[in-house]
Protein backbone atom coordinates (compact mmCIF):
# COMPACT_ATOMS: atom_id res chain seq x y z
CA MET A 1 23.00 -43.12 32.16
CA GLY A 2 21.31 -45.49 33.94
CA PHE A 3 23.37 -48.66 33.20
CA THR A 4 24.99 -50.77 36.12
CA SER A 5 28.45 -50.89 34.36
CA THR A 6 30.46 -50.80 31.24
CA ALA A 7 29.85 -54.33 30.51
CA ASP A 8 25.89 -53.59 30.98
CA LEU A 9 26.18 -50.24 28.65
CA HIS A 10 27.43 -52.63 25.92
CA ASN A 11 25.16 -55.56 26.66
CA GLU A 12 22.03 -53.33 26.94
CA GLY A 13 23.09 -51.18 24.02
CA ARG A 14 23.36 -54.35 21.87
CA ARG A 15 19.71 -55.46 23.01
CA LEU A 16 18.29 -52.02 22.60
CA ARG A 17 19.84 -51.57 19.11
CA GLU A 18 18.12 -55.12 18.13
CA ALA A 19 14.75 -54.04 19.64
CA LEU A 20 14.68 -50.84 17.96
CA ARG A 21 15.67 -52.42 14.40
CA ASN A 22 12.86 -54.93 15.00
CA SER A 23 10.40 -52.25 16.26
CA GLN A 24 10.03 -54.14 19.59
CA PRO A 25 8.50 -52.16 22.34
CA LEU A 26 10.81 -50.47 25.05
CA THR A 27 10.18 -49.60 28.66
CA LYS A 28 10.06 -46.22 29.82
CA ASP A 29 13.78 -46.92 31.45
CA ASP A 30 14.89 -48.50 28.19
CA TRP A 31 13.74 -45.14 26.15
CA ARG A 32 15.56 -42.89 28.66
CA ARG A 33 18.64 -45.10 28.58
CA SER A 34 18.70 -44.89 24.81
CA LEU A 35 18.38 -41.17 24.63
CA VAL A 36 20.75 -40.38 27.10
CA ALA A 37 23.37 -42.64 25.44
CA THR A 38 22.84 -41.13 22.27
CA GLU A 39 22.99 -37.51 23.70
CA ILE A 40 26.40 -38.47 25.12
CA ALA A 41 27.91 -40.21 22.05
CA PHE A 42 26.81 -37.23 19.94
CA ALA A 43 28.12 -34.57 21.76
CA SER A 44 31.26 -35.76 24.21
CA ASP A 45 34.56 -36.09 22.74
CA VAL A 46 35.57 -37.71 26.01
CA TYR A 47 32.83 -40.33 26.15
CA GLY A 48 31.38 -40.50 22.52
CA SER A 49 32.04 -39.43 18.91
CA GLY A 50 31.67 -35.64 19.55
CA CYS A 51 33.49 -33.79 16.87
CA ASP A 52 33.98 -37.00 14.82
CA TRP A 53 30.15 -38.02 14.89
CA PRO A 54 29.80 -37.02 11.02
CA ILE A 55 32.61 -39.62 10.25
CA THR A 56 31.35 -41.98 12.65
CA THR A 57 27.85 -42.06 11.55
CA GLY A 58 27.67 -40.41 8.15
CA LEU A 59 25.09 -37.87 9.34
CA SER A 60 25.97 -34.09 9.75
CA ASP A 61 25.56 -32.54 12.89
CA GLU A 62 22.72 -30.43 11.79
CA GLU A 63 20.62 -33.38 10.53
CA THR A 64 21.53 -35.13 13.91
CA ILE A 65 20.23 -32.23 15.91
CA GLN A 66 16.74 -32.18 14.03
CA LEU A 67 16.62 -35.90 14.48
CA LEU A 68 17.78 -35.85 18.27
CA ARG A 69 15.20 -33.04 18.98
CA SER A 70 12.37 -34.90 17.50
CA ALA A 71 13.19 -38.07 19.24
CA GLN A 72 13.66 -36.01 22.79
CA ARG A 73 10.17 -34.35 22.22
CA LYS A 74 8.39 -37.83 21.10
CA ILE A 75 10.20 -39.84 23.90
CA ALA A 76 9.53 -37.19 26.76
CA ARG A 77 5.96 -36.73 25.50
CA SER A 78 5.18 -40.64 25.40
CA ALA A 79 7.41 -41.91 28.03
CA ARG A 80 7.00 -39.16 30.69
CA ILE A 81 10.80 -39.39 31.33
CA HIS A 82 11.67 -35.87 32.57
CA GLN A 83 12.82 -36.90 35.86
CA PRO A 84 16.46 -38.16 36.47
């Protein structure tokens, strides 16, 4: 995911959420890490919310897929983050 540790994931996650809430610019790495973390949280029952996503977020899987696909296209196009 691009984080150095679990602690880094939590610390950077807080920083990234705050930056997004405040419309602050993110680096390419920030966008990539945000997208990957969201994809994993959405899809994985082991590392994320998985089947409990609608309960956790209040968003249906269908709504989330539409939002996620839109974000993937925008981020990939603007940040050129296709490489691992």
